[in-house]
């Protein structure tokens, strides 16, 4: 898994192509991610304790992890993610720019 919770990603295919957002959740078993502001779906709900009025609720739905790419906010570029060893630790880095992702 190259993408982790909290990463900024760019959608590279599908209806939301080109959108940039923060990863809210990674569903590793299903190989899907939930990205903030991407793939918004409407859900009709009955009144409950959580939603006393009920109605239509909009929320993010998962998208395939293969449809997103890590987005380097410092250089404003989407990049593949690689791994390298720094000071005996395995860290992620952006292949296009060479910047280190993990501290």
PDB file of N, CA and C in Angstrom:
ATOM      1  N   UNK A   1       0.845  -1.181   0.000  1.00  0.00           N
ATOM      2  CA  UNK A   1       0.000   0.000   0.000  1.00  0.00           C
ATOM      3  C   UNK A   1       0.886   1.239   0.000  1.00  0.00           C
ATOM      4  N   UNK A   2       0.811   2.013  -1.039  1.00  0.00           N
ATOM      5  CA  UNK A   2       1.640   3.210  -1.154  1.00  0.00           C
ATOM      6  C   UNK A   2       0.955   4.441  -0.574  1.00  0.00           C
ATOM      7  N   UNK A   3      -0.373   4.410  -0.478  1.00  0.00           N
ATOM      8  CA  UNK A   3      -1.146   5.550   0.014  1.00  0.00           C
ATOM      9  C   UNK A   3      -1.548   5.285   1.465  1.00  0.00           C
ATOM     10  N   UNK A   4      -1.417   6.307   2.304  1.00  0.00           N
ATOM     11  CA  UNK A   4      -1.785   6.176   3.708  1.00  0.00           C
ATOM     12  C   UNK A   4      -2.777   7.273   4.093  1.00  0.00           C
ATOM     13  N   UNK A   5      -3.440   7.080   5.222  1.00  0.00           N
ATOM     14  CA  UNK A   5      -4.387   8.070   5.743  1.00  0.00           C
ATOM     15  C   UNK A   5      -3.652   9.383   5.985  1.00  0.00           C
ATOM     16  N   UNK A   6      -4.265  10.489   5.541  1.00  0.00           N
ATOM     17  CA  UNK A   6      -3.661  11.806   5.730  1.00  0.00           C
ATOM     18  C   UNK A   6      -2.890  12.298   4.516  1.00  0.00           C
ATOM     19  N   UNK A   7      -2.579  11.402   3.558  1.00  0.00           N
ATOM     20  CA  UNK A   7      -1.877  11.816   2.343  1.00  0.00           C
ATOM     21  C   UNK A   7      -2.787  12.668   1.468  1.00  0.00           C
ATOM     22  N   UNK A   8      -2.202  13.553   0.698  1.00  0.00           N
ATOM     23  CA  UNK A   8      -2.936  14.299  -0.307  1.00  0.00           C
ATOM     24  C   UNK A   8      -2.793  13.539  -1.612  1.00  0.00           C
ATOM     25  N   UNK A   9      -3.915  13.285  -2.285  1.00  0.00           N
ATOM     26  CA  UNK A   9      -3.894  12.510  -3.524  1.00  0.00           C
ATOM     27  C   UNK A   9      -4.636  13.246  -4.633  1.00  0.00           C
ATOM     28  N   UNK A  10      -4.328  12.864  -5.861  1.00  0.00           N
ATOM     29  CA  UNK A  10      -5.004  13.398  -7.037  1.00  0.00           C
ATOM     30  C   UNK A  10      -5.695  12.240  -7.732  1.00  0.00           C
ATOM     31  N   UNK A  11      -6.959  12.431  -8.124  1.00  0.00           N
ATOM     32  CA  UNK A  11      -7.707  11.395  -8.820  1.00  0.00           C
ATOM     33  C   UNK A  11      -7.270  11.418 -10.286  1.00  0.00           C
ATOM     34  N   UNK A  12      -6.845  10.255 -10.797  1.00  0.00           N
ATOM     35  CA  UNK A  12      -6.288  10.203 -12.148  1.00  0.00           C
ATOM     36  C   UNK A  12      -7.230   9.589 -13.173  1.00  0.00           C
ATOM     37  N   UNK A  13      -8.361   9.020 -12.730  1.00  0.00           N
ATOM     38  CA  UNK A  13      -9.329   8.492 -13.687  1.00  0.00           C
ATOM     39  C   UNK A  13     -10.717   8.443 -13.062  1.00  0.00           C
ATOM     40  N   UNK A  14     -11.729   8.381 -13.900  1.00  0.00           N
ATOM     41  CA  UNK A  14     -13.114   8.318 -13.434  1.00  0.00           C
ATOM     42  C   UNK A  14     -13.813   9.662 -13.523  1.00  0.00           C
ATOM     43  N   UNK A  15     -14.996   9.726 -12.952  1.00  0.00           N
ATOM     44  CA  UNK A  15     -15.822  10.940 -13.005  1.00  0.00           C
ATOM     45  C   UNK A  15     -15.177  12.118 -12.295  1.00  0.00           C
ATOM     46  N   UNK A  16     -14.375  11.859 -11.281  1.00  0.00           N
ATOM     47  CA  UNK A  16     -13.765  12.916 -10.476  1.00  0.00           C
ATOM     48  C   UNK A  16     -12.328  13.198 -10.874  1.00  0.00           C
ATOM     49  N   UNK A  17     -11.954  12.861 -12.093  1.00  0.00           N
ATOM     50  CA  UNK A  17     -10.578  13.023 -12.570  1.00  0.00           C
ATOM     51  C   UNK A  17     -10.100  14.465 -12.400  1.00  0.00           C
ATOM     52  N   UNK A  18      -8.898  14.613 -11.833  1.00  0.00           N
ATOM     53  CA  UNK A  18      -8.306  15.926 -11.647  1.00  0.00           C
ATOM     54  C   UNK A  18      -8.523  16.527 -10.267  1.00  0.00           C
ATOM     55  N   UNK A  19      -9.448  15.985  -9.491  1.00  0.00           N
ATOM     56  CA  UNK A  19      -9.702  16.526  -8.153  1.00  0.00           C
ATOM     57  C   UNK A  19      -8.587  16.124  -7.195  1.00  0.00           C
ATOM     58  N   UNK A  20      -8.310  17.006  -6.252  1.00  0.00           N
ATOM     59  CA  UNK A  20      -7.266  16.777  -5.266  1.00  0.00           C
ATOM     60  C   UNK A  20      -7.909  16.820  -3.886  1.00  0.00           C
ATOM     61  N   UNK A  21      -7.563  15.854  -3.034  1.00  0.00           N
ATOM     62  CA  UNK A  21      -8.133  15.816  -1.695  1.00  0.00           C
ATOM     63  C   UNK A  21      -7.288  15.004  -0.738  1.00  0.00           C
ATOM     64  N   UNK A  22      -7.666  15.075   0.516  1.00  0.00           N
ATOM     65  CA  UNK A  22      -6.945  14.379   1.584  1.00  0.00           C
ATOM     66  C   UNK A  22      -7.593  13.010   1.821  1.00  0.00           C
ATOM     67  N   UNK A  23      -6.787  11.985   2.033  1.00  0.00           N
ATOM     68  CA  UNK A  23      -7.297  10.640   2.294  1.00  0.00           C
ATOM     69  C   UNK A  23      -7.844  10.587   3.715  1.00  0.00           C
ATOM     70  N   UNK A  24      -9.129  10.252   3.836  1.00  0.00           N
ATOM     71  CA  UNK A  24      -9.774  10.159   5.141  1.00  0.00           C
ATOM     72  C   UNK A  24      -9.659   8.756   5.717  1.00  0.00           C
ATOM     73  N   UNK A  25      -9.691   7.754   4.833  1.00  0.00           N
ATOM     74  CA  UNK A  25      -9.656   6.370   5.291  1.00  0.00           C
ATOM     75  C   UNK A  25      -9.114   5.484   4.184  1.00  0.00           C
ATOM     76  N   UNK A  26      -8.335   4.465   4.566  1.00  0.00           N
ATOM     77  CA  UNK A  26      -7.826   3.475   3.621  1.00  0.00           C
ATOM     78  C   UNK A  26      -8.464   2.140   3.961  1.00  0.00           C
ATOM     79  N   UNK A  27      -9.131   1.541   2.981  1.00  0.00           N
ATOM     80  CA  UNK A  27      -9.746   0.226   3.157  1.00  0.00           C
ATOM     81  C   UNK A  27      -8.844  -0.783   2.457  1.00  0.00           C
ATOM     82  N   UNK A  28      -7.881  -1.326   3.181  1.00  0.00           N
ATOM     83  CA  UNK A  28      -6.826  -2.152   2.592  1.00  0.00           C
ATOM     84  C   UNK A  28      -7.352  -3.440   1.985  1.00  0.00           C
ATOM     85  N   UNK A  29      -8.262  -4.116   2.652  1.00  0.00           N
ATOM     86  CA  UNK A  29      -8.770  -5.389   2.141  1.00  0.00           C
ATOM     87  C   UNK A  29      -9.520  -5.221   0.828  1.00  0.00           C
ATOM     88  N   UNK A  30     -10.260  -4.129   0.689  1.00  0.00           N
ATOM     89  CA  UNK A  30     -11.016  -3.873  -0.545  1.00  0.00           C
ATOM     90  C   UNK A  30     -10.197  -3.099  -1.577  1.00  0.00           C
ATOM     91  N   UNK A  31      -8.984  -2.678  -1.199  1.00  0.00           N
ATOM     92  CA  UNK A  31      -8.103  -1.861  -2.049  1.00  0.00           C
ATOM     93  C   UNK A  31      -8.822  -0.597  -2.518  1.00  0.00           C
ATOM     94  N   UNK A  32      -9.401   0.113  -1.553  1.00  0.00           N
ATOM     95  CA  UNK A  32     -10.136   1.343  -1.834  1.00  0.00           C
ATOM     96  C   UNK A  32      -9.741   2.410  -0.823  1.00  0.00           C
ATOM     97  N   UNK A  33      -9.974   3.678  -1.199  1.00  0.00           N
ATOM     98  CA  UNK A  33      -9.716   4.800  -0.304  1.00  0.00           C
ATOM     99  C   UNK A  33     -10.912   5.740  -0.320  1.00  0.00           C
ATOM    100  N   UNK A  34     -11.088   6.458   0.789  1.00  0.00           N
ATOM    101  CA  UNK A  34     -12.112   7.501   0.870  1.00  0.00           C
ATOM    102  C   UNK A  34     -11.366   8.825   0.887  1.00  0.00           C
ATOM    103  N   UNK A  35     -11.653   9.669  -0.112  1.00  0.00           N
ATOM    104  CA  UNK A  35     -10.960  10.946  -0.275  1.00  0.00           C
ATOM    105  C   UNK A  35     -11.948  12.076  -0.024  1.00  0.00           C
ATOM    106  N   UNK A  36     -11.494  13.079   0.723  1.00  0.00           N
ATOM    107  CA  UNK A  36     -12.318  14.228   1.098  1.00  0.00           C
ATOM    108  C   UNK A  36     -12.766  15.001  -0.148  1.00  0.00           C
ATOM    109  N   UNK A  37     -14.083  15.158  -0.311  1.00  0.00           N
ATOM    110  CA  UNK A  37     -14.639  15.938  -1.406  1.00  0.00           C
ATOM    111  C   UNK A  37     -14.684  15.226  -2.740  1.00  0.00           C
ATOM    112  N   UNK A  38     -14.417  13.925  -2.763  1.00  0.00           N
ATOM    113  CA  UNK A  38     -14.402  13.161  -4.013  1.00  0.00           C
ATOM    114  C   UNK A  38     -15.421  12.031  -3.920  1.00  0.00           C
ATOM    115  N   UNK A  39     -16.125  11.760  -5.028  1.00  0.00           N
ATOM    116  CA  UNK A  39     -17.108  10.680  -5.122  1.00  0.00           C
ATOM    117  C   UNK A  39     -18.208  10.846  -4.078  1.00  0.00           C
ATOM    118  N   UNK A  40     -18.866  11.989  -4.099  1.00  0.00           N
ATOM    119  CA  UNK A  40     -19.947  12.300  -3.164  1.00  0.00           C
ATOM    120  C   UNK A  40     -21.217  11.567  -3.601  1.00  0.00           C
ATOM    121  N   UNK A  41     -21.845  10.850  -2.657  1.00  0.00           N
ATOM    122  CA  UNK A  41     -23.091  10.142  -2.933  1.00  0.00           C
ATOM    123  C   UNK A  41     -24.170  10.649  -1.987  1.00  0.00           C
ATOM    124  N   UNK A  42     -25.444  10.509  -2.404  1.00  0.00           N
ATOM    125  CA  UNK A  42     -26.575  10.916  -1.575  1.00  0.00           C
ATOM    126  C   UNK A  42     -27.182   9.683  -0.938  1.00  0.00           C
ATOM    127  N   UNK A  43     -27.492   9.784   0.327  1.00  0.00           N
ATOM    128  CA  UNK A  43     -28.094   8.668   1.038  1.00  0.00           C
ATOM    129  C   UNK A  43     -29.373   9.158   1.691  1.00  0.00           C
ATOM    130  N   UNK A  44     -30.479   8.476   1.434  1.00  0.00           N
ATOM    131  CA  UNK A  44     -31.766   8.819   2.032  1.00  0.00           C
ATOM    132  C   UNK A  44     -31.881   8.093   3.359  1.00  0.00           C
ATOM    133  N   UNK A  45     -32.096   8.835   4.446  1.00  0.00           N
ATOM    134  CA  UNK A  45     -32.144   8.223   5.770  1.00  0.00           C
ATOM    135  C   UNK A  45     -33.437   8.562   6.492  1.00  0.00           C
ATOM    136  N   UNK A  46     -33.854   7.607   7.306  1.00  0.00           N
ATOM    137  CA  UNK A  46     -35.003   7.820   8.165  1.00  0.00           C
ATOM    138  C   UNK A  46     -34.569   8.622   9.381  1.00  0.00           C
ATOM    139  N   UNK A  47     -35.492   9.263  10.052  1.00  0.00           N
ATOM    140  CA  UNK A  47     -35.135   9.957  11.292  1.00  0.00           C
ATOM    141  C   UNK A  47     -34.589   8.973  12.337  1.00  0.00           C
ATOM    142  N   UNK A  48     -33.505   9.365  13.006  1.00  0.00           N
ATOM    143  CA  UNK A  48     -32.898   8.537  14.049  1.00  0.00           C
ATOM    144  C   UNK A  48     -32.294   9.472  15.087  1.00  0.00           C
ATOM    145  N   UNK A  49     -31.645   8.898  16.096  1.00  0.00           N
ATOM    146  CA  UNK A  49     -31.008   9.736  17.111  1.00  0.00           C
ATOM    147  C   UNK A  49     -29.875  10.557  16.500  1.00  0.00           C
ATOM    148  N   UNK A  50     -29.139   9.969  15.576  1.00  0.00           N
ATOM    149  CA  UNK A  50     -28.032  10.675  14.947  1.00  0.00           C
ATOM    150  C   UNK A  50     -28.532  11.770  14.008  1.00  0.00           C
ATOM    151  N   UNK A  51     -29.608  11.474  13.251  1.00  0.00           N
ATOM    152  CA  UNK A  51     -30.197  12.441  12.311  1.00  0.00           C
ATOM    153  C   UNK A  51     -31.684  12.571  12.629  1.00  0.00           C
ATOM    154  N   UNK A  52     -32.041  13.455  13.580  1.00  0.00           N
ATOM    155  CA  UNK A  52     -33.434  13.549  14.017  1.00  0.00           C
ATOM    156  C   UNK A  52     -34.424  13.921  12.912  1.00  0.00           C
ATOM    157  N   UNK A  53     -33.971  14.696  11.928  1.00  0.00           N
ATOM    158  CA  UNK A  53     -34.870  15.090  10.851  1.00  0.00           C
ATOM    159  C   UNK A  53     -34.874  14.093   9.703  1.00  0.00           C
ATOM    160  N   UNK A  54     -33.846  13.246   9.615  1.00  0.00           N
ATOM    161  CA  UNK A  54     -33.750  12.330   8.479  1.00  0.00           C
ATOM    162  C   UNK A  54     -33.404  13.106   7.221  1.00  0.00           C
ATOM    163  N   UNK A  55     -33.830  12.620   6.075  1.00  0.00           N
ATOM    164  CA  UNK A  55     -33.625  13.339   4.825  1.00  0.00           C
ATOM    165  C   UNK A  55     -32.462  12.805   4.019  1.00  0.00           C
ATOM    166  N   UNK A  56     -31.943  13.631   3.139  1.00  0.00           N
ATOM    167  CA  UNK A  56     -30.865  13.244   2.236  1.00  0.00           C
ATOM    168  C   UNK A  56     -29.535  13.717   2.810  1.00  0.00           C
ATOM    169  N   UNK A  57     -28.608  12.775   2.964  1.00  0.00           N
ATOM    170  CA  UNK A  57     -27.290  13.076   3.517  1.00  0.00           C
ATOM    171  C   UNK A  57     -26.249  12.813   2.448  1.00  0.00           C
ATOM    172  N   UNK A  58     -25.367  13.769   2.235  1.00  0.00           N
ATOM    173  CA  UNK A  58     -24.301  13.604   1.241  1.00  0.00           C
ATOM    174  C   UNK A  58     -23.019  13.219   1.963  1.00  0.00           C
ATOM    175  N   UNK A  59     -22.315  12.191   1.447  1.00  0.00           N
ATOM    176  CA  UNK A  59     -21.059  11.767   2.044  1.00  0.00           C
ATOM    177  C   UNK A  59     -20.154  11.155   0.985  1.00  0.00           C
ATOM    178  N   UNK A  60     -18.871  11.007   1.331  1.00  0.00           N
ATOM    179  CA  UNK A  60     -17.899  10.454   0.408  1.00  0.00           C
ATOM    180  C   UNK A  60     -18.014   8.932   0.366  1.00  0.00           C
ATOM    181  N   UNK A  61     -17.894   8.379  -0.835  1.00  0.00           N
ATOM    182  CA  UNK A  61     -17.894   6.934  -1.018  1.00  0.00           C
ATOM    183  C   UNK A  61     -16.484   6.501  -1.421  1.00  0.00           C
ATOM    184  N   UNK A  62     -16.138   5.240  -1.176  1.00  0.00           N
ATOM    185  CA  UNK A  62     -14.789   4.767  -1.525  1.00  0.00           C
ATOM    186  C   UNK A  62     -14.567   4.718  -3.037  1.00  0.00           C
ATOM    187  N   UNK A  63     -13.311   4.945  -3.447  1.00  0.00           N
ATOM    188  CA  UNK A  63     -12.915   4.750  -4.844  1.00  0.00           C
ATOM    189  C   UNK A  63     -11.703   3.819  -4.857  1.00  0.00           C
ATOM    190  N   UNK A  64     -11.470   3.208  -5.990  1.00  0.00           N
ATOM    191  CA  UNK A  64     -10.362   2.263  -6.114  1.00  0.00           C
ATOM    192  C   UNK A  64      -9.032   2.984  -5.909  1.00  0.00           C
ATOM    193  N   UNK A  65      -8.128   2.329  -5.198  1.00  0.00           N
ATOM    194  CA  UNK A  65      -6.836   2.945  -4.892  1.00  0.00           C
ATOM    195  C   UNK A  65      -5.999   3.123  -6.161  1.00  0.00           C
ATOM    196  N   UNK A  66      -6.295   2.337  -7.199  1.00  0.00           N
ATOM    197  CA  UNK A  66      -5.559   2.465  -8.456  1.00  0.00           C
ATOM    198  C   UNK A  66      -5.939   3.736  -9.219  1.00  0.00           C
ATOM    199  N   UNK A  67      -7.036   4.376  -8.801  1.00  0.00           N
ATOM    200  CA  UNK A  67      -7.492   5.603  -9.465  1.00  0.00           C
ATOM    201  C   UNK A  67      -6.960   6.871  -8.817  1.00  0.00           C
ATOM    202  N   UNK A  68      -6.105   6.732  -7.801  1.00  0.00           N
ATOM    203  CA  UNK A  68      -5.516   7.905  -7.163  1.00  0.00           C
ATOM    204  C   UNK A  68      -3.996   7.822  -7.206  1.00  0.00           C
ATOM    205  N   UNK A  69      -3.371   8.995  -7.132  1.00  0.00           N
ATOM    206  CA  UNK A  69      -1.916   9.090  -7.179  1.00  0.00           C
ATOM    207  C   UNK A  69      -1.480  10.094  -6.118  1.00  0.00           C
ATOM    208  N   UNK A  70      -0.382   9.801  -5.433  1.00  0.00           N
ATOM    209  CA  UNK A  70       0.124  10.712  -4.407  1.00  0.00           C
ATOM    210  C   UNK A  70       0.378  12.085  -5.018  1.00  0.00           C
ATOM    211  N   UNK A  71      -0.008  13.144  -4.292  1.00  0.00           N
ATOM    212  CA  UNK A  71       0.160  14.518  -4.781  1.00  0.00           C
ATOM    213  C   UNK A  71       1.097  15.259  -3.838  1.00  0.00           C
ATOM    214  N   UNK A  72       2.225  15.714  -4.377  1.00  0.00           N
ATOM    215  CA  UNK A  72       3.223  16.447  -3.600  1.00  0.00           C
ATOM    216  C   UNK A  72       2.798  17.913  -3.529  1.00  0.00           C
ATOM    217  N   UNK A  73       2.348  18.372  -2.363  1.00  0.00           N
ATOM    218  CA  UNK A  73       1.829  19.736  -2.227  1.00  0.00           C
ATOM    219  C   UNK A  73       2.931  20.787  -2.284  1.00  0.00           C
ATOM    220  N   UNK A  74       4.164  20.426  -1.945  1.00  0.00           N
ATOM    221  CA  UNK A  74       5.264  21.388  -1.994  1.00  0.00           C
ATOM    222  C   UNK A  74       5.606  21.768  -3.426  1.00  0.00           C
ATOM    223  N   UNK A  75       5.601  20.758  -4.327  1.00  0.00           N
ATOM    224  CA  UNK A  75       5.969  20.996  -5.721  1.00  0.00           C
ATOM    225  C   UNK A  75       4.769  20.998  -6.661  1.00  0.00           C
ATOM    226  N   UNK A  76       3.567  20.795  -6.113  1.00  0.00           N
ATOM    227  CA  UNK A  76       2.332  20.751  -6.901  1.00  0.00           C
ATOM    228  C   UNK A  76       2.423  19.785  -8.076  1.00  0.00           C
ATOM    229  N   UNK A  77       2.859  18.552  -7.790  1.00  0.00           N
ATOM    230  CA  UNK A  77       2.966  17.522  -8.819  1.00  0.00           C
ATOM    231  C   UNK A  77       2.483  16.190  -8.273  1.00  0.00           C
ATOM    232  N   UNK A  78       1.801  15.425  -9.127  1.00  0.00           N
ATOM    233  CA  UNK A  78       1.442  14.055  -8.775  1.00  0.00           C
ATOM    234  C   UNK A  78       2.643  13.177  -9.090  1.00  0.00           C
ATOM    235  N   UNK A  79       2.880  12.181  -8.247  1.00  0.00           N
ATOM    236  CA  UNK A  79       4.069  11.364  -8.407  1.00  0.00           C
ATOM    237  C   UNK A  79       3.820   9.945  -7.935  1.00  0.00           C
ATOM    238  N   UNK A  80       4.587   9.013  -8.490  1.00  0.00           N
ATOM    239  CA  UNK A  80       4.589   7.656  -7.968  1.00  0.00           C
ATOM    240  C   UNK A  80       5.325   7.676  -6.636  1.00  0.00           C
ATOM    241  N   UNK A  81       5.064   6.668  -5.804  1.00  0.00           N
ATOM    242  CA  UNK A  81       5.694   6.585  -4.495  1.00  0.00           C
ATOM    243  C   UNK A  81       6.663   5.412  -4.491  1.00  0.00           C
ATOM    244  N   UNK A  82       7.853   5.654  -3.948  1.00  0.00           N
ATOM    245  CA  UNK A  82       8.847   4.608  -3.825  1.00  0.00           C
ATOM    246  C   UNK A  82       9.299   4.498  -2.378  1.00  0.00           C
ATOM    247  N   UNK A  83      10.065   3.467  -2.111  1.00  0.00           N
ATOM    248  CA  UNK A  83      10.617   3.264  -0.770  1.00  0.00           C
ATOM    249  C   UNK A  83      12.132   3.276  -0.841  1.00  0.00           C
ATOM    250  N   UNK A  84      12.767   3.871   0.156  1.00  0.00           N
ATOM    251  CA  UNK A  84      14.220   3.814   0.279  1.00  0.00           C
ATOM    252  C   UNK A  84      14.580   3.800   1.761  1.00  0.00           C
ATOM    253  N   UNK A  85      15.804   3.428   2.042  1.00  0.00           N
ATOM    254  CA  UNK A  85      16.247   3.337   3.423  1.00  0.00           C
ATOM    255  C   UNK A  85      17.060   4.570   3.783  1.00  0.00           C
ATOM    256  N   UNK A  86      16.648   5.244   4.859  1.00  0.00           N
ATOM    257  CA  UNK A  86      17.353   6.424   5.348  1.00  0.00           C
ATOM    258  C   UNK A  86      17.621   6.217   6.835  1.00  0.00           C
ATOM    259  N   UNK A  87      18.882   6.233   7.212  1.00  0.00           N
ATOM    260  CA  UNK A  87      19.293   6.036   8.609  1.00  0.00           C
ATOM    261  C   UNK A  87      18.718   4.748   9.205  1.00  0.00           C
ATOM    262  N   UNK A  88      18.691   3.696   8.417  1.00  0.00           N
ATOM    263  CA  UNK A  88      18.202   2.402   8.894  1.00  0.00           C
ATOM    264  C   UNK A  88      16.692   2.284   8.956  1.00  0.00           C
ATOM    265  N   UNK A  89      15.947   3.297   8.463  1.00  0.00           N
ATOM    266  CA  UNK A  89      14.491   3.265   8.450  1.00  0.00           C
ATOM    267  C   UNK A  89      13.989   3.249   7.018  1.00  0.00           C
ATOM    268  N   UNK A  90      12.928   2.505   6.784  1.00  0.00           N
ATOM    269  CA  UNK A  90      12.299   2.456   5.469  1.00  0.00           C
ATOM    270  C   UNK A  90      11.328   3.633   5.362  1.00  0.00           C
ATOM    271  N   UNK A  91      11.557   4.532   4.412  1.00  0.00           N
ATOM    272  CA  UNK A  91      10.714   5.718   4.263  1.00  0.00           C
ATOM    273  C   UNK A  91      10.174   5.802   2.839  1.00  0.00           C
ATOM    274  N   UNK A  92       9.027   6.468   2.706  1.00  0.00           N
ATOM    275  CA  UNK A  92       8.431   6.693   1.385  1.00  0.00           C
ATOM    276  C   UNK A  92       8.970   7.998   0.812  1.00  0.00           C
ATOM    277  N   UNK A  93       9.084   8.036  -0.527  1.00  0.00           N
ATOM    278  CA  UNK A  93       9.491   9.275  -1.178  1.00  0.00           C
ATOM    279  C   UNK A  93       8.781   9.400  -2.525  1.00  0.00           C
ATOM    280  N   UNK A  94       8.628  10.643  -2.984  1.00  0.00           N
ATOM    281  CA  UNK A  94       8.004  10.914  -4.280  1.00  0.00           C
ATOM    282  C   UNK A  94       9.054  10.699  -5.361  1.00  0.00           C
ATOM    283  N   UNK A  95       8.795   9.796  -6.296  1.00  0.00           N
ATOM    284  CA  UNK A  95       9.785   9.439  -7.303  1.00  0.00           C
ATOM    285  C   UNK A  95      10.074  10.594  -8.264  1.00  0.00           C
ATOM    286  N   UNK A  96       9.075  11.383  -8.595  1.00  0.00           N
ATOM    287  CA  UNK A  96       9.258  12.454  -9.572  1.00  0.00           C
ATOM    288  C   UNK A  96      10.140  13.576  -9.030  1.00  0.00           C
ATOM    289  N   UNK A  97       9.914  13.946  -7.761  1.00  0.00           N
ATOM    290  CA  UNK A  97      10.643  15.083  -7.186  1.00  0.00           C
ATOM    291  C   UNK A  97      11.772  14.642  -6.249  1.00  0.00           C
ATOM    292  N   UNK A  98      11.684  13.421  -5.747  1.00  0.00           N
ATOM    293  CA  UNK A  98      12.697  12.926  -4.830  1.00  0.00           C
ATOM    294  C   UNK A  98      12.495  13.356  -3.391  1.00  0.00           C
ATOM    295  N   UNK A  99      11.430  14.081  -3.094  1.00  0.00           N
ATOM    296  CA  UNK A  99      11.188  14.544  -1.728  1.00  0.00           C
ATOM    297  C   UNK A  99      10.694  13.406  -0.845  1.00  0.00           C
ATOM    298  N   UNK A 100      11.113  13.431   0.395  1.00  0.00           N
ATOM    299  CA  UNK A 100      10.756  12.394   1.359  1.00  0.00           C
ATOM    300  C   UNK A 100       9.373  12.671   1.912  1.00  0.00           C
ATOM    301  N   UNK A 101       8.515  11.642   1.964  1.00  0.00           N
ATOM    302  CA  UNK A 101       7.145  11.787   2.448  1.00  0.00           C
ATOM    303  C   UNK A 101       7.091  11.547   3.952  1.00  0.00           C
ATOM    304  N   UNK A 102       7.634  10.420   4.392  1.00  0.00           N
ATOM    305  CA  UNK A 102       7.626  10.077   5.807  1.00  0.00           C
ATOM    306  C   UNK A 102       8.793  10.753   6.517  1.00  0.00           C
ATOM    307  N   UNK A 103       8.573  11.133   7.745  1.00  0.00           N
ATOM    308  CA  UNK A 103       9.625  11.774   8.517  1.00  0.00           C
ATOM    309  C   UNK A 103      10.387  10.733   9.303  1.00  0.00           C
TER     310      UNK A 103
END
